[in-house]
C-alpha atoms as a PDB file:
ATOM      1  CA  HIS A   1     -25.254 -58.586  14.149  1.00  0.00           C
ATOM      2  CA  PRO A   2     -28.174 -56.679  12.501  1.00  0.00           C
ATOM      3  CA  ALA A   3     -27.580 -53.668  15.074  1.00  0.00           C
ATOM      4  CA  MET A   4     -24.135 -53.175  13.219  1.00  0.00           C
ATOM      5  CA  LEU A   5     -25.748 -52.996   9.695  1.00  0.00           C
ATOM      6  CA  PRO A   6     -26.453 -49.467   8.346  1.00  0.00           C
ATOM      7  CA  ASN A   7     -29.940 -48.470   7.194  1.00  0.00           C
ATOM      8  CA  ILE A   8     -28.551 -46.825   4.060  1.00  0.00           C
ATOM      9  CA  VAL A   9     -25.136 -46.637   2.259  1.00  0.00           C
ATOM     10  CA  LEU A  10     -24.146 -43.691  -0.024  1.00  0.00           C
ATOM     11  CA  LEU A  11     -21.717 -44.385  -2.629  1.00  0.00           C
ATOM     12  CA  ASP A  12     -20.370 -41.027  -4.047  1.00  0.00           C
ATOM     13  CA  PRO A  13     -17.683 -41.573  -6.681  1.00  0.00           C
ATOM     14  CA  GLU A  14     -16.864 -37.785  -6.631  1.00  0.00           C
ATOM     15  CA  LEU A  15     -15.497 -38.359  -3.210  1.00  0.00           C
ATOM     16  CA  THR A  16     -12.849 -40.729  -4.535  1.00  0.00           C
ATOM     17  CA  ILE A  17     -11.539 -38.832  -7.482  1.00  0.00           C
ATOM     18  CA  ASN A  18      -8.506 -37.445  -5.496  1.00  0.00           C
ATOM     19  CA  LEU A  19      -7.635 -40.834  -3.911  1.00  0.00           C
ATOM     20  CA  PRO A  20      -4.014 -41.352  -4.694  1.00  0.00           C
ATOM     21  CA  THR A  21      -3.003 -43.843  -7.409  1.00  0.00           C
ATOM     22  CA  GLY A  22      -1.407 -46.347  -4.992  1.00  0.00           C
ATOM     23  CA  LEU A  23      -4.358 -46.349  -2.669  1.00  0.00           C
ATOM     24  CA  THR A  24      -6.764 -46.772  -5.571  1.00  0.00           C
ATOM     25  CA  ALA A  25      -4.857 -49.838  -6.815  1.00  0.00           C
ATOM     26  CA  ALA A  26      -4.564 -51.342  -3.218  1.00  0.00           C
ATOM     27  CA  THR A  27      -8.199 -50.786  -2.416  1.00  0.00           C
ATOM     28  CA  GLY A  28      -9.329 -51.960  -5.660  1.00  0.00           C
ATOM     29  CA  MET A  29      -7.414 -55.252  -5.275  1.00  0.00           C
ATOM     30  CA  ASP A  30      -8.891 -55.582  -1.759  1.00  0.00           C
ATOM     31  CA  ALA A  31     -12.253 -55.530  -3.417  1.00  0.00           C
ATOM     32  CA  LEU A  32     -11.083 -58.195  -5.756  1.00  0.00           C
ATOM     33  CA  SER A  33      -9.836 -60.252  -2.913  1.00  0.00           C
ATOM     34  CA  HIS A  34     -13.166 -60.256  -1.210  1.00  0.00           C
ATOM     35  CA  SER A  35     -15.027 -61.504  -4.257  1.00  0.00           C
ATOM     36  CA  LEU A  36     -12.412 -64.005  -5.221  1.00  0.00           C
ATOM     37  CA  GLU A  37     -12.158 -65.503  -1.676  1.00  0.00           C
ATOM     38  CA  ALA A  38     -15.913 -65.538  -1.230  1.00  0.00           C
ATOM     39  CA  TYR A  39     -16.307 -67.387  -4.596  1.00  0.00           C
ATOM     40  CA  SER A  40     -13.580 -69.824  -3.667  1.00  0.00           C
ATOM     41  CA  SER A  41     -14.964 -70.583  -0.273  1.00  0.00           C
ATOM     42  CA  PRO A  42     -16.203 -74.219   0.048  1.00  0.00           C
ATOM     43  CA  LEU A  43     -19.492 -73.108   1.691  1.00  0.00           C
ATOM     44  CA  TYR A  44     -22.701 -73.267  -0.212  1.00  0.00           C
ATOM     45  CA  HIS A  45     -24.158 -69.845  -1.180  1.00  0.00           C
ATOM     46  CA  PRO A  46     -25.082 -69.666  -4.899  1.00  0.00           C
ATOM     47  CA  MET A  47     -26.418 -66.127  -4.575  1.00  0.00           C
ATOM     48  CA  ALA A  48     -23.061 -64.768  -3.089  1.00  0.00           C
ATOM     49  CA  ASP A  49     -21.261 -66.663  -5.876  1.00  0.00           C
ATOM     50  CA  GLY A  50     -23.211 -64.766  -8.510  1.00  0.00           C
ATOM     51  CA  ILE A  51     -22.544 -61.419  -6.795  1.00  0.00           C
ATOM     52  CA  ALA A  52     -18.767 -62.355  -6.399  1.00  0.00           C
ATOM     53  CA  VAL A  53     -18.327 -63.377 -10.147  1.00  0.00           C
ATOM     54  CA  GLU A  54     -19.820 -60.076 -11.356  1.00  0.00           C
ATOM     55  CA  GLY A  55     -17.904 -58.102  -8.847  1.00  0.00           C
ATOM     56  CA  ILE A  56     -14.662 -59.692 -10.200  1.00  0.00           C
ATOM     57  CA  ARG A  57     -15.752 -58.786 -13.768  1.00  0.00           C
ATOM     58  CA  LEU A  58     -16.203 -55.084 -12.667  1.00  0.00           C
ATOM     59  CA  VAL A  59     -12.753 -55.040 -11.309  1.00  0.00           C
ATOM     60  CA  GLN A  60     -11.422 -56.400 -14.591  1.00  0.00           C
ATOM     61  CA  GLN A  61     -13.189 -53.856 -16.631  1.00  0.00           C
ATOM     62  CA  PHE A  62     -12.736 -50.730 -14.432  1.00  0.00           C
ATOM     63  CA  LEU A  63      -9.750 -50.895 -11.916  1.00  0.00           C
ATOM     64  CA  PRO A  64      -6.996 -50.068 -14.511  1.00  0.00           C
ATOM     65  CA  SER A  65      -9.072 -47.105 -15.681  1.00  0.00           C
ATOM     66  CA  ALA A  66      -9.613 -45.981 -12.122  1.00  0.00           C
ATOM     67  CA  VAL A  67      -5.951 -46.219 -11.284  1.00  0.00           C
ATOM     68  CA  ASN A  68      -4.703 -44.614 -14.567  1.00  0.00           C
ATOM     69  CA  ASN A  69      -7.276 -41.835 -14.622  1.00  0.00           C
ATOM     70  CA  GLY A  70      -8.679 -40.962 -11.228  1.00  0.00           C
ATOM     71  CA  GLN A  71     -11.062 -38.434 -12.773  1.00  0.00           C
ATOM     72  CA  ASP A  72     -12.877 -41.240 -14.637  1.00  0.00           C
ATOM     73  CA  LEU A  73     -16.150 -41.129 -12.799  1.00  0.00           C
ATOM     74  CA  THR A  74     -17.576 -44.161 -14.551  1.00  0.00           C
ATOM     75  CA  ALA A  75     -14.617 -46.309 -13.421  1.00  0.00           C
ATOM     76  CA  ARG A  76     -14.761 -44.771  -9.834  1.00  0.00           C
ATOM     77  CA  THR A  77     -18.538 -45.505  -9.683  1.00  0.00           C
ATOM     78  CA  GLN A  78     -18.178 -49.055 -10.924  1.00  0.00           C
ATOM     79  CA  MET A  79     -15.225 -49.748  -8.486  1.00  0.00           C
ATOM     80  CA  LEU A  80     -17.595 -48.545  -5.618  1.00  0.00           C
ATOM     81  CA  VAL A  81     -20.108 -51.088  -6.916  1.00  0.00           C
ATOM     82  CA  ALA A  82     -17.416 -53.837  -7.049  1.00  0.00           C
ATOM     83  CA  SER A  83     -16.378 -53.137  -3.648  1.00  0.00           C
ATOM     84  CA  SER A  84     -19.892 -53.238  -2.321  1.00  0.00           C
ATOM     85  CA  MET A  85     -20.480 -56.541  -4.142  1.00  0.00           C
ATOM     86  CA  GLY A  86     -17.418 -58.013  -2.577  1.00  0.00           C
ATOM     87  CA  ALA A  87     -18.532 -56.951   0.883  1.00  0.00           C
ATOM     88  CA  THR A  88     -21.899 -58.532   0.222  1.00  0.00           C
ATOM     89  CA  ALA A  89     -20.401 -61.772  -1.068  1.00  0.00           C
ATOM     90  CA  PHE A  90     -18.003 -62.328   1.638  1.00  0.00           C
ATOM     91  CA  GLN A  91     -20.753 -63.349   4.003  1.00  0.00           C
ATOM     92  CA  LYS A  92     -19.992 -66.719   2.339  1.00  0.00           C
ATOM     93  CA  GLY A  93     -16.443 -66.579   3.812  1.00  0.00           C
ATOM     94  CA  LEU A  94     -12.959 -65.390   3.067  1.00  0.00           C
ATOM     95  CA  GLY A  95      -9.747 -67.395   3.064  1.00  0.00           C
ATOM     96  CA  ALA A  96      -5.953 -67.534   3.407  1.00  0.00           C
ATOM     97  CA  MET A  97      -5.211 -64.168   1.782  1.00  0.00           C
ATOM     98  CA  HIS A  98      -7.040 -62.429   4.677  1.00  0.00           C
ATOM     99  CA  ALA A  99      -5.921 -65.018   7.249  1.00  0.00           C
ATOM    100  CA  LEU A 100      -2.405 -63.855   6.577  1.00  0.00           C
ATOM    101  CA  ALA A 101      -3.186 -60.186   5.856  1.00  0.00           C
ATOM    102  CA  HIS A 102      -4.724 -59.566   9.213  1.00  0.00           C
ATOM    103  CA  PRO A 103      -1.642 -60.501  11.378  1.00  0.00           C
ATOM    104  CA  LEU A 104       0.652 -58.944   8.862  1.00  0.00           C
ATOM    105  CA  GLY A 105      -1.187 -55.708   9.021  1.00  0.00           C
ATOM    106  CA  ALA A 106      -1.114 -55.718  12.788  1.00  0.00           C
ATOM    107  CA  LEU A 107       2.642 -56.617  13.101  1.00  0.00           C
ATOM    108  CA  TYR A 108       3.922 -54.426  10.335  1.00  0.00           C
ATOM    109  CA  ASP A 109       1.383 -51.592  10.149  1.00  0.00           C
ATOM    110  CA  ALA A 110       1.012 -52.378   6.322  1.00  0.00           C
ATOM    111  CA  HIS A 111      -1.952 -51.511   4.259  1.00  0.00           C
ATOM    112  CA  HIS A 112      -4.583 -54.190   4.425  1.00  0.00           C
ATOM    113  CA  GLY A 113      -5.592 -54.001   0.732  1.00  0.00           C
ATOM    114  CA  LEU A 114      -1.891 -53.982  -0.512  1.00  0.00           C
ATOM    115  CA  LEU A 115      -1.207 -56.977   1.597  1.00  0.00           C
ATOM    116  CA  ASN A 116      -4.095 -58.923  -0.043  1.00  0.00           C
ATOM    117  CA  ALA A 117      -2.881 -57.772  -3.464  1.00  0.00           C
ATOM    118  CA  ILE A 118       0.650 -59.062  -2.822  1.00  0.00           C
ATOM    119  CA  LEU A 119      -0.372 -62.470  -1.213  1.00  0.00           C
ATOM    120  CA  MET A 120      -3.203 -63.095  -3.903  1.00  0.00           C
ATOM    121  CA  PRO A 121      -1.145 -65.122  -6.485  1.00  0.00           C
ATOM    122  CA  TYR A 122       0.692 -67.184  -3.766  1.00  0.00           C
ATOM    123  CA  VAL A 123      -2.481 -68.222  -2.106  1.00  0.00           C
ATOM    124  CA  LEU A 124      -4.113 -69.023  -5.412  1.00  0.00           C
ATOM    125  CA  VAL A 125      -1.117 -71.354  -6.111  1.00  0.00           C
ATOM    126  CA  ALA A 126      -1.426 -72.985  -2.590  1.00  0.00           C
ATOM    127  CA  ASN A 127      -5.177 -73.535  -3.132  1.00  0.00           C
ATOM    128  CA  ARG A 128      -4.851 -74.841  -6.745  1.00  0.00           C
ATOM    129  CA  ASP A 129      -5.914 -78.338  -6.257  1.00  0.00           C
ATOM    130  CA  LYS A 130      -9.252 -77.188  -4.792  1.00  0.00           C
ATOM    131  CA  ILE A 131     -10.138 -74.228  -6.799  1.00  0.00           C
ATOM    132  CA  SER A 132      -9.102 -75.063 -10.348  1.00  0.00           C
ATOM    133  CA  PRO A 133     -12.704 -75.707 -11.483  1.00  0.00           C
ATOM    134  CA  GLN A 134     -13.867 -72.385 -10.119  1.00  0.00           C
ATOM    135  CA  LEU A 135     -11.142 -70.388 -11.673  1.00  0.00           C
ATOM    136  CA  GLY A 136     -11.583 -72.061 -14.987  1.00  0.00           C
ATOM    137  CA  ARG A 137     -15.167 -70.859 -14.961  1.00  0.00           C
ATOM    138  CA  LEU A 138     -13.933 -67.352 -13.956  1.00  0.00           C
ATOM    139  CA  ALA A 139     -11.505 -67.482 -16.850  1.00  0.00           C
ATOM    140  CA  ARG A 140     -14.404 -68.200 -19.320  1.00  0.00           C
ATOM    141  CA  TYR A 141     -16.661 -65.556 -17.763  1.00  0.00           C
ATOM    142  CA  LEU A 142     -13.984 -62.900 -17.979  1.00  0.00           C
ATOM    143  CA  ASN A 143     -13.214 -63.935 -21.545  1.00  0.00           C
ATOM    144  CA  LEU A 144      -9.569 -64.290 -20.777  1.00  0.00           C
ATOM    145  CA  PRO A 145      -7.191 -65.270 -23.616  1.00  0.00           C
ATOM    146  CA  GLU A 146      -5.777 -68.213 -21.760  1.00  0.00           C
ATOM    147  CA  PRO A 147      -8.146 -70.787 -20.199  1.00  0.00           C
ATOM    148  CA  GLY A 148      -8.250 -72.483 -16.889  1.00  0.00           C
ATOM    149  CA  PHE A 149      -6.449 -71.895 -13.604  1.00  0.00           C
ATOM    150  CA  ASN A 150      -3.348 -70.647 -15.403  1.00  0.00           C
ATOM    151  CA  GLY A 151      -5.274 -68.153 -17.477  1.00  0.00           C
ATOM    152  CA  PHE A 152      -6.879 -66.625 -14.262  1.00  0.00           C
ATOM    153  CA  LEU A 153      -3.522 -66.534 -12.504  1.00  0.00           C
ATOM    154  CA  HIS A 154      -1.697 -64.942 -15.332  1.00  0.00           C
ATOM    155  CA  TRP A 155      -4.504 -62.268 -15.427  1.00  0.00           C
ATOM    156  CA  VAL A 156      -4.018 -61.518 -11.792  1.00  0.00           C
ATOM    157  CA  LEU A 157      -0.244 -61.157 -12.200  1.00  0.00           C
ATOM    158  CA  ALA A 158      -0.728 -58.848 -15.189  1.00  0.00           C
ATOM    159  CA  LEU A 159      -3.222 -56.824 -13.466  1.00  0.00           C
ATOM    160  CA  ARG A 160      -0.935 -56.273 -10.481  1.00  0.00           C
ATOM    161  CA  GLU A 161       1.995 -55.413 -12.635  1.00  0.00           C
ATOM    162  CA  GLY A 162      -0.124 -52.916 -14.602  1.00  0.00           C
ATOM    163  CA  ILE A 163      -1.407 -51.008 -11.591  1.00  0.00           C
ATOM    164  CA  GLY A 164       1.959 -50.911  -9.767  1.00  0.00           C
ATOM    165  CA  ILE A 165       1.418 -53.691  -7.170  1.00  0.00           C
ATOM    166  CA  PRO A 166       4.711 -55.001  -6.064  1.00  0.00           C
ATOM    167  CA  ALA A 167       5.402 -58.714  -6.698  1.00  0.00           C
ATOM    168  CA  ALA A 168       6.629 -59.616  -3.250  1.00  0.00           C
ATOM    169  CA  LEU A 169       6.193 -58.582   0.380  1.00  0.00           C
ATOM    170  CA  ARG A 170       9.912 -57.822   0.783  1.00  0.00           C
ATOM    171  CA  ALA A 171       9.247 -54.687  -1.396  1.00  0.00           C
ATOM    172  CA  ILE A 172       7.181 -53.128   1.326  1.00  0.00           C
ATOM    173  CA  GLY A 173       9.525 -53.801   4.139  1.00  0.00           C
ATOM    174  CA  ILE A 174       8.390 -57.386   5.344  1.00  0.00           C
ATOM    175  CA  ASP A 175      11.109 -59.957   5.833  1.00  0.00           C
ATOM    176  CA  ASP A 176      11.049 -63.580   6.793  1.00  0.00           C
ATOM    177  CA  SER A 177      12.114 -62.935  10.427  1.00  0.00           C
ATOM    178  CA  ARG A 178       8.658 -63.622  11.818  1.00  0.00           C
ATOM    179  CA  VAL A 179       7.153 -66.216   9.429  1.00  0.00           C
ATOM    180  CA  ASP A 180       7.114 -68.975  12.202  1.00  0.00           C
ATOM    181  CA  GLU A 181       5.237 -66.566  14.493  1.00  0.00           C
ATOM    182  CA  ILE A 182       2.648 -65.520  11.918  1.00  0.00           C
ATOM    183  CA  GLY A 183       1.751 -69.040  10.759  1.00  0.00           C
ATOM    184  CA  PRO A 184      -0.180 -69.817  13.960  1.00  0.00           C
ATOM    185  CA  MET A 185      -1.809 -66.473  13.828  1.00  0.00           C
ATOM    186  CA  ALA A 186      -3.157 -67.307  10.372  1.00  0.00           C
ATOM    187  CA  VAL A 187      -4.591 -70.615  11.509  1.00  0.00           C
ATOM    188  CA  ALA A 188      -6.365 -68.837  14.443  1.00  0.00           C
ATOM    189  CA  ASP A 189      -7.757 -66.050  12.164  1.00  0.00           C
ATOM    190  CA  ALA A 190     -11.479 -66.473  11.389  1.00  0.00           C
ATOM    191  CA  ALA A 191     -10.887 -66.264   7.656  1.00  0.00           C
ATOM    192  CA  ALA A 192      -8.943 -69.539   7.664  1.00  0.00           C
ATOM    193  CA  ALA A 193     -12.052 -71.451   8.428  1.00  0.00           C
ATOM    194  CA  THR A 194     -13.471 -70.950   5.013  1.00  0.00           C
ATOM    195  CA  ASN A 195     -10.273 -71.367   2.972  1.00  0.00           C
ATOM    196  CA  PRO A 196     -10.605 -74.157   0.489  1.00  0.00           C
ATOM    197  CA  VAL A 197      -7.668 -75.973   2.031  1.00  0.00           C
ATOM    198  CA  GLN A 198      -7.296 -76.113   5.818  1.00  0.00           C
ATOM    199  CA  PHE A 199      -3.576 -75.234   5.979  1.00  0.00           C
ATOM    200  CA  ASP A 200      -1.630 -75.816   9.220  1.00  0.00           C
ATOM    201  CA  ALA A 201       0.797 -73.369  10.746  1.00  0.00           C
ATOM    202  CA  SER A 202       3.811 -74.521   8.866  1.00  0.00           C
ATOM    203  CA  GLN A 203       2.020 -74.387   5.567  1.00  0.00           C
ATOM    204  CA  TYR A 204       0.875 -70.809   6.135  1.00  0.00           C
ATOM    205  CA  SER A 205       4.502 -70.011   7.196  1.00  0.00           C
ATOM    206  CA  HIS A 206       5.637 -71.494   3.832  1.00  0.00           C
ATOM    207  CA  ILE A 207       3.127 -69.553   1.809  1.00  0.00           C
ATOM    208  CA  LEU A 208       4.230 -66.404   3.612  1.00  0.00           C
ATOM    209  CA  ALA A 209       7.929 -67.094   2.981  1.00  0.00           C
ATOM    210  CA  ASP A 210       7.078 -67.516  -0.752  1.00  0.00           C
ATOM    211  CA  ALA A 211       5.165 -64.256  -0.840  1.00  0.00           C
ATOM    212  CA  ILE A 212       8.027 -62.433   0.935  1.00  0.00           C
ATOM    213  CA  ASN A 213      10.674 -63.717  -1.364  1.00  0.00           C
ATOM    214  CA  GLY A 214       8.656 -63.936  -4.550  1.00  0.00           C
ATOM    215  CA  HIS A 215       8.789 -67.477  -5.029  1.00  0.00           C
ATOM    216  CA  LEU A 216       5.612 -68.301  -7.009  1.00  0.00           C
END
């Protein structure tokens, strides 16, 4: 609604220089998830796609630096830009990462960005048949050493490892005792409507179980 939009937004990187490493990593991956899911959405919005692609490139270039040296104002500035670009792009839609992260955050009081970061590769694999062409273009745009879907997936995995993101949800205290409960919640989440694949509750539960146990 227009009344909920700000008249002006101030992005001050100096306010972020003392953000802890873990939060810098998790919020940076959240920015990536926004651009990535917007770009992967099946809806048509070429302007959002362009914003999302450049937002992803900024994360590639600057998130490791922001995590490894919080005093790097250039990296902090560009991550604020990347975050804003992701929030602009996701008017095109989000997807299964967020459809799962929303109920998980509510039930387990877990950090939203960290949830998206851990879920990311599992959702990418689940969506693979529908998003391989888009991720192939991203791999070329990012000049990744390995082409195609696999090249992009391996970049995500390396990025996560390099900034200290756990490989599985079990590492942050989430077990598989509630996967059957969370599956229907994910289907009902608004973000599920713009995922490239319309998963049913059992498929969401399966993706979640894989993310809990690290089965990629």
